[in-house]
């Protein structure tokens, strides 16, 4: 039996794809092109409608009769970020969803769909390393999943759920394995790595007496977060522990959220020798008005203050960002403010996205009034500014 894994979206999906690739080969499947595969697994992204449209287009292509007379259509499965309405539409096309990282569920589906007795029991599945990556110059290491921020354009909280941090001991143990395998760079992953926390369950009983604190804790705000080690955030403590590990390697991380970028995190990046001097700090818009519509709880003044602090404390800093152009209501004046920020900050790189309405998100209710040609013009202008550097 042959399989093919098709990945679209973020680094988290890239990490999931590595685990699935390892698992499928342990089950006895052989990797192949989609045209030859008996099983195709899609790692989906639901952030933009354009990504979802690509998925449905690929499914249509794969369900076209094979050139070999006796070849049957492939079994197509999907995981990753998928909204409930899309799950129903996919089911109508014979595509079955399984939860990300749920090997038992995948095993059950494959056994049933292909009428096979697969070699891995539930107990054996549990023993599979959560990070079976080959020895490469860099390796991805998720430290948390989910998101509590509910940006109005994003579907991740509805697909990946709320923030769930992994135990620090588990992260450090995996990091040691990767270093022993010769990994030169460990990239920590999370929708908002700054809000990583290692003791969330132990503070719940205390916080339950104050619902306001519970809400702030779940949203990742500083009020209600546990503070240890001389008021350092848990993420800073994790960086310090990773820096203490033996070996010739560096640690980088993404993505950050300006609302949770604290002074101690900046200090850790500036002073710890094994932490890479790179910060990915999403801007999304240079207009306070648009940031409010996006539900991004910081101002441009606050953002620029963080940038000034980063550049003052971190020598040879590489600063990158994300931005969305053409968000509903973004006037020429709003966009001009983003242009000003790009010229002022002088980012080393920027991931510029043209707004795509996503059904199921709050921003979808605002419509999509800005012409695609205008979005392209704005994209080109920002891209030219970044490329000049």
Protein backbone atom coordinates (compact mmCIF):
# COMPACT_ATOMS: atom_id res chain seq x y z
CA UNK A 1 0.00 0.00 0.00
CA UNK A 2 1.19 3.52 -0.85
CA UNK A 3 0.56 6.89 0.79
CA UNK A 4 1.06 10.58 0.09
CA UNK A 5 0.98 13.49 2.56
CA UNK A 6 0.03 16.94 1.24
CA UNK A 7 0.74 19.88 3.54
CA UNK A 8 -0.55 23.43 3.37
CA UNK A 9 -0.15 26.16 5.98
CA UNK A 10 2.10 26.76 8.94
CA UNK A 11 5.16 25.14 10.50
CA UNK A 12 2.91 23.28 12.93
CA UNK A 13 1.48 21.36 9.97
CA UNK A 14 5.03 20.73 8.77
CA UNK A 15 5.81 19.14 12.15
CA UNK A 16 2.61 17.07 12.06
CA UNK A 17 3.53 15.89 8.56
CA UNK A 18 6.89 14.62 9.81
CA UNK A 19 5.17 12.58 12.54
CA UNK A 20 2.59 11.20 10.09
CA UNK A 21 5.28 10.27 7.59
CA UNK A 22 7.13 8.33 10.31
CA UNK A 23 3.89 6.66 11.44
CA UNK A 24 2.75 5.59 7.96
CA UNK A 25 6.09 3.93 7.29
CA UNK A 26 5.91 2.13 10.66
CA UNK A 27 2.50 0.83 9.51
CA UNK A 28 4.12 -0.62 6.39
CA UNK A 29 3.02 1.98 3.83
CA UNK A 30 5.35 3.23 1.11
CA UNK A 31 5.60 6.91 0.21
CA UNK A 32 4.53 7.80 -3.34
CA UNK A 33 3.18 10.48 -5.64
CA UNK A 34 -0.52 11.35 -5.19
CA UNK A 35 -1.35 9.79 -8.56
CA UNK A 36 -0.13 6.39 -7.28
CA UNK A 37 -1.22 6.61 -3.63
CA UNK A 38 -3.84 4.39 -2.03
CA UNK A 39 -4.10 6.87 0.87
CA UNK A 40 -3.74 10.64 0.69
CA UNK A 41 -3.56 12.62 3.94
CA UNK A 42 -4.13 16.39 3.83
CA UNK A 43 -2.77 18.65 6.56
CA UNK A 44 -5.14 21.56 6.20
CA UNK A 45 -5.00 25.29 6.87
CA UNK A 46 -8.17 27.26 7.57
CA UNK A 47 -6.65 30.71 8.09
CA UNK A 48 -7.60 32.02 4.63
CA UNK A 49 -10.37 31.04 2.23
CA UNK A 50 -7.82 30.77 -0.58
CA UNK A 51 -6.14 27.89 1.29
CA UNK A 52 -9.48 26.07 1.70
CA UNK A 53 -10.28 26.59 -1.99
CA UNK A 54 -6.94 24.98 -2.88
CA UNK A 55 -7.81 21.94 -0.77
CA UNK A 56 -11.14 21.40 -2.52
CA UNK A 57 -9.44 21.86 -5.89
CA UNK A 58 -6.84 19.20 -5.09
CA UNK A 59 -9.50 16.76 -3.89
CA UNK A 60 -11.32 17.19 -7.19
CA UNK A 61 -8.11 16.40 -9.08
CA UNK A 62 -7.30 13.34 -6.95
CA UNK A 63 -10.80 11.91 -7.35
CA UNK A 64 -10.43 11.90 -11.12
CA UNK A 65 -10.24 8.30 -12.50
CA UNK A 66 -6.71 6.91 -12.57
CA UNK A 67 -5.02 6.15 -15.91
CA UNK A 68 -4.55 2.47 -15.01
CA UNK A 69 -7.79 0.58 -15.80
CA UNK A 70 -7.93 -1.37 -12.52
CA UNK A 71 -6.82 1.44 -10.21
CA UNK A 72 -9.33 2.56 -7.60
CA UNK A 73 -9.80 6.07 -6.25
CA UNK A 74 -7.59 6.90 -3.26
CA UNK A 75 -8.81 7.06 0.33
CA UNK A 76 -8.51 10.75 1.26
CA UNK A 77 -8.23 11.85 4.89
CA UNK A 78 -7.80 15.32 6.34
CA UNK A 79 -6.45 16.72 9.59
CA UNK A 80 -5.07 20.02 10.90
CA UNK A 81 -7.15 23.21 10.92
CA UNK A 82 -10.63 22.46 9.55
CA UNK A 83 -13.81 24.34 10.48
CA UNK A 84 -17.04 22.43 11.15
CA UNK A 85 -18.86 23.61 7.97
CA UNK A 86 -15.88 22.46 5.88
CA UNK A 87 -15.86 19.07 7.62
CA UNK A 88 -19.45 18.54 6.51
CA UNK A 89 -18.68 19.55 2.92
CA UNK A 90 -15.62 17.28 2.89
CA UNK A 91 -17.64 14.37 4.26
CA UNK A 92 -20.01 14.75 1.32
CA UNK A 93 -17.02 14.17 -0.94
CA UNK A 94 -15.98 11.06 0.97
CA UNK A 95 -13.14 12.77 2.85
CA UNK A 96 -12.90 11.82 6.52
CA UNK A 97 -11.46 14.06 9.25
CA UNK A 98 -9.27 12.92 12.15
CA UNK A 99 -7.94 15.01 15.02
CA UNK A 100 -4.37 16.25 14.68
CA UNK A 101 -1.95 13.88 16.42
CA UNK A 102 -4.65 11.26 17.19
CA UNK A 103 -2.79 8.18 15.95
CA UNK A 104 -5.40 5.81 17.39
CA UNK A 105 -8.17 7.48 15.40
CA UNK A 106 -6.09 7.38 12.22
CA UNK A 107 -5.25 3.72 12.79
CA UNK A 108 -8.95 2.88 13.22
CA UNK A 109 -9.99 4.79 10.09
CA UNK A 110 -7.30 3.21 7.91
CA UNK A 111 -8.11 -0.30 9.18
CA UNK A 112 -11.78 0.21 8.37
CA UNK A 113 -11.43 2.04 5.04
CA UNK A 114 -8.79 -0.29 3.60
CA UNK A 115 -10.02 -3.46 5.30
CA UNK A 116 -6.55 -4.07 6.74
CA UNK A 117 -5.16 -5.32 10.01
CA UNK A 118 -2.45 -2.76 10.66
CA UNK A 119 0.60 -3.75 12.72
CA UNK A 120 0.41 -1.03 15.37
CA UNK A 121 -1.73 -1.50 18.48
CA UNK A 122 -2.78 1.36 20.75
CA UNK A 123 0.08 0.55 23.11
CA UNK A 124 2.63 0.60 20.30
CA UNK A 125 1.24 3.90 19.00
CA UNK A 126 1.77 5.51 22.40
CA UNK A 127 5.45 4.51 22.32
CA UNK A 128 6.12 6.33 19.05
CA UNK A 129 8.29 9.39 19.64
CA UNK A 130 6.33 12.64 19.39
CA UNK A 131 9.23 14.19 17.52
CA UNK A 132 10.69 11.55 15.15
CA UNK A 133 12.58 13.96 12.94
CA UNK A 134 15.63 13.01 10.87
CA UNK A 135 18.97 14.61 11.52
CA UNK A 136 18.65 17.96 9.72
CA UNK A 137 20.20 21.41 10.21
CA UNK A 138 16.99 22.52 11.95
CA UNK A 139 14.11 20.81 13.72
CA UNK A 140 10.68 22.03 14.77
CA UNK A 141 9.71 21.65 18.42
CA UNK A 142 6.15 22.67 19.38
CA UNK A 143 5.88 23.93 22.96
CA UNK A 144 2.14 24.60 22.89
CA UNK A 145 -0.92 24.35 20.67
CA UNK A 146 -4.11 26.32 20.23
CA UNK A 147 -4.78 30.02 20.68
CA UNK A 148 -6.71 32.30 23.05
CA UNK A 149 -6.45 35.54 21.08
CA UNK A 150 -9.40 35.37 18.66
CA UNK A 151 -8.05 37.75 16.05
CA UNK A 152 -11.11 38.60 13.98
CA UNK A 153 -9.63 37.27 10.71
CA UNK A 154 -8.34 33.94 12.09
CA UNK A 155 -10.01 30.55 12.52
CA UNK A 156 -7.28 28.84 14.58
CA UNK A 157 -9.04 29.06 18.00
CA UNK A 158 -12.01 27.29 16.42
CA UNK A 159 -9.92 24.51 14.89
CA UNK A 160 -6.93 23.98 17.21
CA UNK A 161 -8.80 24.97 20.36
CA UNK A 162 -7.56 26.97 23.33
CA UNK A 163 -3.92 27.26 24.40
CA UNK A 164 -2.41 24.09 25.80
CA UNK A 165 1.22 24.18 26.88
CA UNK A 166 3.41 21.10 26.94
CA UNK A 167 5.30 20.14 30.12
CA UNK A 168 8.73 21.75 30.29
CA UNK A 169 10.43 18.44 31.16
CA UNK A 170 8.98 16.91 27.99
CA UNK A 171 10.20 19.80 25.83
CA UNK A 172 13.71 19.67 27.33
CA UNK A 173 13.89 15.89 26.87
CA UNK A 174 12.99 16.19 23.18
CA UNK A 175 15.46 19.03 22.73
CA UNK A 176 18.24 16.83 24.11
CA UNK A 177 17.36 14.09 21.61
CA UNK A 178 17.40 16.55 18.71
CA UNK A 179 20.79 17.92 19.81
CA UNK A 180 22.20 14.38 20.05
CA UNK A 181 20.96 13.77 16.48
CA UNK A 182 23.06 16.71 15.29
CA UNK A 183 20.37 19.37 15.09
CA UNK A 184 21.95 22.82 14.69
CA UNK A 185 18.82 24.92 15.24
CA UNK A 186 15.74 24.14 17.32
CA UNK A 187 12.70 26.19 16.33
CA UNK A 188 10.11 26.46 19.10
CA UNK A 189 6.56 26.60 17.75
CA UNK A 190 3.32 28.02 19.09
CA UNK A 191 0.58 30.38 17.93
CA UNK A 192 1.84 32.68 20.69
CA UNK A 193 5.00 31.31 22.30
CA UNK A 194 5.18 34.27 24.71
CA UNK A 195 2.13 32.96 26.58
CA UNK A 196 3.69 29.54 27.23
CA UNK A 197 2.99 28.47 30.80
CA UNK A 198 4.20 25.45 32.70
CA UNK A 199 1.93 25.45 35.78
CA UNK A 200 -1.53 26.29 34.46
CA UNK A 201 -3.39 23.36 36.11
CA UNK A 202 -2.01 24.15 39.58
CA UNK A 203 -3.34 27.72 39.61
CA UNK A 204 -6.88 26.96 38.44
CA UNK A 205 -8.39 26.37 41.94
CA UNK A 206 -7.02 29.69 43.19
CA UNK A 207 -8.11 31.60 40.09
CA UNK A 208 -11.61 30.12 40.13
CA UNK A 209 -12.34 32.40 43.10
CA UNK A 210 -11.82 35.38 40.79
CA UNK A 211 -13.52 34.94 37.37
CA UNK A 212 -11.87 38.09 36.00
CA UNK A 213 -8.44 36.60 36.64
CA UNK A 214 -9.49 33.33 35.00
CA UNK A 215 -10.53 35.24 31.88
CA UNK A 216 -7.28 37.21 31.77
CA UNK A 217 -5.24 34.04 32.27
CA UNK A 218 -7.01 32.25 29.45
CA UNK A 219 -6.43 35.20 27.15
CA UNK A 220 -2.71 35.20 27.96
CA UNK A 221 -2.63 38.60 29.63
CA UNK A 222 0.05 39.32 32.22
CA UNK A 223 -2.40 39.85 35.12
CA UNK A 224 -3.16 36.34 36.37
CA UNK A 225 -0.15 34.66 34.82
CA UNK A 226 2.09 32.80 37.18
CA UNK A 227 5.38 34.56 37.88
CA UNK A 228 8.43 32.64 39.03
CA UNK A 229 12.18 32.97 39.12
CA UNK A 230 12.30 36.68 40.03
CA UNK A 231 9.14 37.59 38.11
CA UNK A 232 10.23 35.99 34.84
CA UNK A 233 7.62 34.62 32.49
CA UNK A 234 7.47 30.87 32.02
CA UNK A 235 8.67 31.28 28.44
CA UNK A 236 11.81 33.05 29.64
CA UNK A 237 12.47 30.22 32.10
CA UNK A 238 12.14 27.73 29.22
CA UNK A 239 14.65 29.70 27.14
CA UNK A 240 17.09 29.70 30.05
CA UNK A 241 16.75 25.93 30.54
CA UNK A 242 17.32 25.30 26.83
CA UNK A 243 20.35 27.59 26.86
CA UNK A 244 21.88 25.46 29.65
CA UNK A 245 21.80 22.26 27.56
CA UNK A 246 25.13 20.93 26.29
CA UNK A 247 25.85 21.02 22.58
CA UNK A 248 26.55 23.25 19.62
CA UNK A 249 23.11 24.58 18.67
CA UNK A 250 20.89 27.66 18.69
CA UNK A 251 17.23 28.15 19.61
CA UNK A 252 14.77 30.33 17.73
CA UNK A 253 11.02 30.67 18.15
CA UNK A 254 7.81 31.80 16.52
CA UNK A 255 5.34 33.28 16.62
CA UNK A 256 5.27 36.15 19.10
CA UNK A 257 2.42 38.45 20.03
CA UNK A 258 3.17 42.11 20.80
CA UNK A 259 0.76 42.11 23.75
CA UNK A 260 2.86 39.44 25.50
CA UNK A 261 6.37 40.52 24.48
CA UNK A 262 7.78 41.33 27.93
CA UNK A 263 11.08 42.92 28.94
CA UNK A 264 12.39 39.66 30.43
CA UNK A 265 11.87 37.81 27.12
CA UNK A 266 13.78 40.55 25.31
CA UNK A 267 16.53 40.40 27.94
CA UNK A 268 16.78 36.61 27.51
CA UNK A 269 17.24 36.90 23.75
CA UNK A 270 19.81 39.66 24.24
CA UNK A 271 21.94 37.87 26.86
CA UNK A 272 21.60 34.09 26.36
CA UNK A 273 24.29 32.95 23.90
CA UNK A 274 22.35 29.98 22.46
CA UNK A 275 19.20 31.99 21.72
CA UNK A 276 19.19 33.22 18.14
CA UNK A 277 19.06 36.99 17.75
CA UNK A 278 15.88 36.88 15.69
CA UNK A 279 12.39 38.07 16.56
CA UNK A 280 9.29 37.57 14.45
CA UNK A 281 6.88 40.26 15.69
CA UNK A 282 3.63 40.38 13.68
CA UNK A 283 2.42 43.92 12.98
CA UNK A 284 -0.67 43.08 10.85
CA UNK A 285 -1.48 46.78 10.33
CA UNK A 286 0.04 50.19 10.96
CA UNK A 287 -3.36 51.68 11.82
CA UNK A 288 -4.78 51.62 15.35
CA UNK A 289 -8.28 51.63 13.86
CA UNK A 290 -7.63 48.49 11.82
CA UNK A 291 -5.85 46.81 14.74
CA UNK A 292 -9.03 47.28 16.82
CA UNK A 293 -11.12 45.76 14.01
CA UNK A 294 -8.68 42.84 13.92
CA UNK A 295 -8.98 42.41 17.71
CA UNK A 296 -5.25 42.97 18.11
CA UNK A 297 -4.97 44.46 21.65
CA UNK A 298 -2.00 46.79 21.20
CA UNK A 299 -1.43 50.20 19.66
CA UNK A 300 1.17 51.29 17.16
CA UNK A 301 2.82 53.32 19.92
CA UNK A 302 3.13 50.16 22.01
CA UNK A 303 4.45 48.19 19.01
CA UNK A 304 7.12 50.79 18.19
CA UNK A 305 8.12 50.91 21.85
CA UNK A 306 8.79 47.15 21.74
CA UNK A 307 10.78 47.56 18.51
CA UNK A 308 12.90 50.32 20.08
CA UNK A 309 13.59 48.10 23.10
CA UNK A 310 14.51 45.14 20.88
CA UNK A 311 16.92 47.17 18.77
CA UNK A 312 18.49 48.84 21.81
CA UNK A 313 19.14 45.59 23.73
CA UNK A 314 19.82 42.99 21.02
CA UNK A 315 22.92 43.41 18.92
CA UNK A 316 22.70 42.33 15.26
CA UNK A 317 18.95 41.78 15.62
CA UNK A 318 17.03 40.29 12.69
CA UNK A 319 13.45 41.55 12.91
CA UNK A 320 10.66 40.11 10.75
CA UNK A 321 6.91 40.61 10.70
CA UNK A 322 3.50 39.66 9.30
CA UNK A 323 1.03 42.11 7.78
CA UNK A 324 -2.38 41.90 6.13
CA UNK A 325 -3.31 44.31 3.36
CA UNK A 326 -6.87 44.97 2.20
CA UNK A 327 -8.57 44.19 5.50
CA UNK A 328 -12.21 45.38 5.42
CA UNK A 329 -12.32 49.11 6.15
CA UNK A 330 -8.62 49.70 5.44
CA UNK A 331 -8.65 53.14 3.83
CA UNK A 332 -5.83 54.69 1.85
CA UNK A 333 -4.87 56.62 4.99
CA UNK A 334 -4.81 53.40 7.05
CA UNK A 335 -2.57 51.71 4.51
CA UNK A 336 -0.28 54.74 4.32
CA UNK A 337 0.30 54.35 8.07
CA UNK A 338 1.47 50.76 7.46
CA UNK A 339 3.83 52.06 4.78
CA UNK A 340 5.24 54.57 7.29
CA UNK A 341 5.89 51.81 9.84
CA UNK A 342 7.67 49.69 7.21
CA UNK A 343 9.96 52.59 6.30
CA UNK A 344 10.58 53.49 9.93
CA UNK A 345 11.27 50.00 11.31
CA UNK A 346 13.17 48.68 8.27
CA UNK A 347 12.17 45.02 8.72
CA UNK A 348 14.59 42.36 7.52
CA UNK A 349 11.72 40.36 6.04
CA UNK A 350 7.93 40.52 5.98
CA UNK A 351 5.24 37.98 5.20
CA UNK A 352 2.62 40.11 3.45
CA UNK A 353 -0.82 38.56 3.05
CA UNK A 354 -3.71 39.84 0.95
CA UNK A 355 -6.87 39.66 3.05
CA UNK A 356 -9.09 36.71 2.22
CA UNK A 357 -12.49 36.50 3.98
CA UNK A 358 -12.92 33.34 6.01
CA UNK A 359 -16.42 32.16 6.83
CA UNK A 360 -16.71 31.41 10.54
CA UNK A 361 -14.53 34.32 11.65
CA UNK A 362 -15.74 37.66 13.03
CA UNK A 363 -14.18 39.62 10.17
CA UNK A 364 -16.29 37.68 7.64
CA UNK A 365 -19.27 39.78 8.77
CA UNK A 366 -17.47 42.90 7.50
CA UNK A 367 -17.56 41.70 3.89
CA UNK A 368 -14.71 42.09 1.42
CA UNK A 369 -15.10 45.60 -0.03
CA UNK A 370 -11.53 46.19 -1.24
CA UNK A 371 -10.83 45.12 -4.82
CA UNK A 372 -8.29 42.34 -5.35
CA UNK A 373 -6.34 44.58 -7.73
CA UNK A 374 -5.99 47.17 -4.95
CA UNK A 375 -4.83 44.48 -2.50
CA UNK A 376 -2.21 43.44 -5.05
CA UNK A 377 -1.05 47.06 -5.43
CA UNK A 378 -0.66 47.43 -1.68
CA UNK A 379 1.15 44.08 -1.47
CA UNK A 380 3.62 45.14 -4.19
CA UNK A 381 4.35 48.46 -2.50
CA UNK A 382 5.18 46.88 0.89
CA UNK A 383 7.14 44.13 -0.81
CA UNK A 384 9.27 46.69 -2.64
CA UNK A 385 10.05 48.49 0.62
CA UNK A 386 11.23 45.28 2.31
CA UNK A 387 13.20 44.09 -0.72
CA UNK A 388 15.14 47.36 -0.88
CA UNK A 389 16.94 46.25 2.28
